[in-house]
N, C-alpha and C. Protein backbone atom coordinates (compact mmCIF):
# COMPACT_ATOMS: atom_id res chain seq x y z
N MET A 1 -29.63 -3.97 61.71
CA MET A 1 -30.08 -4.32 63.04
C MET A 1 -28.91 -4.94 63.81
N ASN A 2 -28.85 -4.67 65.06
CA ASN A 2 -27.79 -5.20 65.92
C ASN A 2 -28.31 -6.37 66.74
N TYR A 3 -27.37 -7.12 67.28
CA TYR A 3 -27.72 -8.22 68.17
C TYR A 3 -26.69 -8.28 69.28
N VAL A 4 -27.08 -8.90 70.35
CA VAL A 4 -26.19 -9.08 71.51
C VAL A 4 -26.31 -10.52 71.97
N PHE A 5 -25.17 -11.16 72.13
CA PHE A 5 -25.14 -12.50 72.70
C PHE A 5 -25.24 -12.42 74.22
N HIS A 6 -25.94 -13.35 74.80
CA HIS A 6 -25.91 -13.52 76.25
C HIS A 6 -24.47 -13.88 76.62
N PRO A 7 -23.95 -13.37 77.74
CA PRO A 7 -22.56 -13.67 78.12
C PRO A 7 -22.22 -15.16 78.13
N ASP A 8 -23.14 -15.99 78.58
CA ASP A 8 -22.89 -17.43 78.57
C ASP A 8 -22.81 -17.97 77.14
N ALA A 9 -23.60 -17.40 76.25
CA ALA A 9 -23.58 -17.83 74.85
C ALA A 9 -22.25 -17.45 74.20
N VAL A 10 -21.71 -16.29 74.56
CA VAL A 10 -20.40 -15.88 74.04
C VAL A 10 -19.34 -16.89 74.44
N LEU A 11 -19.36 -17.27 75.70
CA LEU A 11 -18.38 -18.26 76.18
C LEU A 11 -18.54 -19.59 75.46
N GLU A 12 -19.77 -20.02 75.27
CA GLU A 12 -20.02 -21.28 74.59
C GLU A 12 -19.58 -21.21 73.12
N PHE A 13 -19.86 -20.09 72.48
CA PHE A 13 -19.45 -19.90 71.09
C PHE A 13 -17.93 -19.95 70.97
N GLU A 14 -17.24 -19.22 71.83
CA GLU A 14 -15.77 -19.20 71.80
C GLU A 14 -15.19 -20.58 72.08
N GLU A 15 -15.81 -21.30 72.99
CA GLU A 15 -15.37 -22.66 73.31
C GLU A 15 -15.54 -23.58 72.09
N ALA A 16 -16.66 -23.43 71.41
CA ALA A 16 -16.91 -24.24 70.22
C ALA A 16 -15.90 -23.92 69.12
N VAL A 17 -15.58 -22.65 68.94
CA VAL A 17 -14.58 -22.27 67.94
C VAL A 17 -13.24 -22.91 68.28
N ARG A 18 -12.84 -22.84 69.54
CA ARG A 18 -11.58 -23.47 69.96
C ARG A 18 -11.61 -24.97 69.72
N TYR A 19 -12.73 -25.61 70.03
CA TYR A 19 -12.89 -27.05 69.83
C TYR A 19 -12.65 -27.41 68.36
N TYR A 20 -13.32 -26.69 67.46
CA TYR A 20 -13.18 -27.00 66.03
C TYR A 20 -11.78 -26.64 65.52
N ARG A 21 -11.19 -25.58 65.99
CA ARG A 21 -9.81 -25.24 65.58
C ARG A 21 -8.83 -26.32 66.00
N ALA A 22 -9.08 -26.94 67.15
CA ALA A 22 -8.19 -28.00 67.62
C ALA A 22 -8.29 -29.23 66.72
N ARG A 23 -9.39 -29.38 66.00
CA ARG A 23 -9.59 -30.53 65.13
C ARG A 23 -9.15 -30.28 63.70
N GLY A 24 -8.94 -29.05 63.36
CA GLY A 24 -8.48 -28.71 62.01
C GLY A 24 -8.22 -27.23 61.92
N PRO A 25 -7.17 -26.87 61.20
CA PRO A 25 -6.75 -25.46 61.16
C PRO A 25 -7.84 -24.47 60.73
N VAL A 26 -8.71 -24.90 59.83
CA VAL A 26 -9.73 -23.95 59.35
C VAL A 26 -11.13 -24.24 59.88
N LEU A 27 -11.31 -25.35 60.58
CA LEU A 27 -12.66 -25.72 61.02
C LEU A 27 -13.26 -24.68 61.96
N GLY A 28 -12.47 -24.14 62.86
CA GLY A 28 -12.99 -23.13 63.78
C GLY A 28 -13.44 -21.88 63.06
N ASP A 29 -12.64 -21.46 62.09
CA ASP A 29 -12.99 -20.27 61.32
C ASP A 29 -14.26 -20.50 60.48
N ARG A 30 -14.36 -21.69 59.91
CA ARG A 30 -15.56 -22.02 59.13
C ARG A 30 -16.80 -22.04 60.03
N PHE A 31 -16.65 -22.64 61.20
CA PHE A 31 -17.77 -22.70 62.13
C PHE A 31 -18.22 -21.28 62.50
N ALA A 32 -17.26 -20.44 62.87
CA ALA A 32 -17.59 -19.06 63.26
C ALA A 32 -18.26 -18.32 62.11
N ALA A 33 -17.76 -18.51 60.90
CA ALA A 33 -18.35 -17.85 59.74
C ALA A 33 -19.78 -18.32 59.50
N LYS A 34 -20.03 -19.61 59.67
CA LYS A 34 -21.39 -20.15 59.48
C LYS A 34 -22.36 -19.59 60.52
N VAL A 35 -21.89 -19.48 61.76
CA VAL A 35 -22.75 -18.92 62.81
C VAL A 35 -23.07 -17.46 62.50
N ARG A 36 -22.06 -16.70 62.12
CA ARG A 36 -22.29 -15.28 61.81
C ARG A 36 -23.22 -15.12 60.60
N PHE A 37 -23.04 -15.99 59.60
CA PHE A 37 -23.92 -15.96 58.43
C PHE A 37 -25.37 -16.24 58.84
N ALA A 38 -25.56 -17.25 59.68
CA ALA A 38 -26.91 -17.59 60.15
C ALA A 38 -27.55 -16.43 60.90
N ILE A 39 -26.76 -15.76 61.73
CA ILE A 39 -27.27 -14.61 62.48
C ILE A 39 -27.69 -13.50 61.51
N ARG A 40 -26.85 -13.23 60.50
CA ARG A 40 -27.19 -12.20 59.52
C ARG A 40 -28.49 -12.55 58.80
N ARG A 41 -28.65 -13.83 58.43
CA ARG A 41 -29.89 -14.24 57.75
C ARG A 41 -31.11 -14.05 58.64
N ILE A 42 -30.96 -14.40 59.90
CA ILE A 42 -32.08 -14.21 60.84
C ILE A 42 -32.42 -12.73 60.95
N LEU A 43 -31.42 -11.89 61.09
CA LEU A 43 -31.66 -10.45 61.19
C LEU A 43 -32.27 -9.89 59.92
N ASP A 44 -31.75 -10.34 58.76
CA ASP A 44 -32.29 -9.86 57.48
C ASP A 44 -33.73 -10.31 57.29
N THR A 45 -34.04 -11.54 57.66
CA THR A 45 -35.40 -12.05 57.52
C THR A 45 -36.36 -11.26 58.41
N GLY A 46 -35.91 -10.95 59.62
CA GLY A 46 -36.73 -10.14 60.52
C GLY A 46 -36.97 -8.76 59.97
N ALA A 47 -35.94 -8.18 59.36
CA ALA A 47 -36.07 -6.84 58.78
C ALA A 47 -37.03 -6.88 57.59
N MET A 48 -36.96 -7.94 56.78
CA MET A 48 -37.87 -8.06 55.66
C MET A 48 -39.31 -8.23 56.11
N ALA A 49 -39.51 -9.00 57.15
CA ALA A 49 -40.86 -9.22 57.66
C ALA A 49 -41.46 -7.90 58.16
N ARG A 50 -40.65 -7.10 58.83
CA ARG A 50 -41.14 -5.81 59.33
C ARG A 50 -41.47 -4.87 58.17
N ALA A 51 -40.67 -4.94 57.11
CA ALA A 51 -40.89 -4.07 55.95
C ALA A 51 -42.20 -4.42 55.24
N GLU A 52 -42.60 -5.68 55.31
CA GLU A 52 -43.82 -6.12 54.63
C GLU A 52 -45.09 -5.77 55.40
N GLU A 53 -44.97 -5.40 56.66
CA GLU A 53 -46.15 -5.11 57.48
C GLU A 53 -46.84 -3.85 57.06
């Protein structure tokens, strides 16, 4: 399943990544990875729920 961020959400996400990168070399990358992981879990959970119907 695909997803699309609202344009304002993309800007906010990118800003947050920059914020965390400024505080530590890997913090921004970790933050981005956690957000992407959470999105995948949400999508997978939705797909599982539909499969059970």
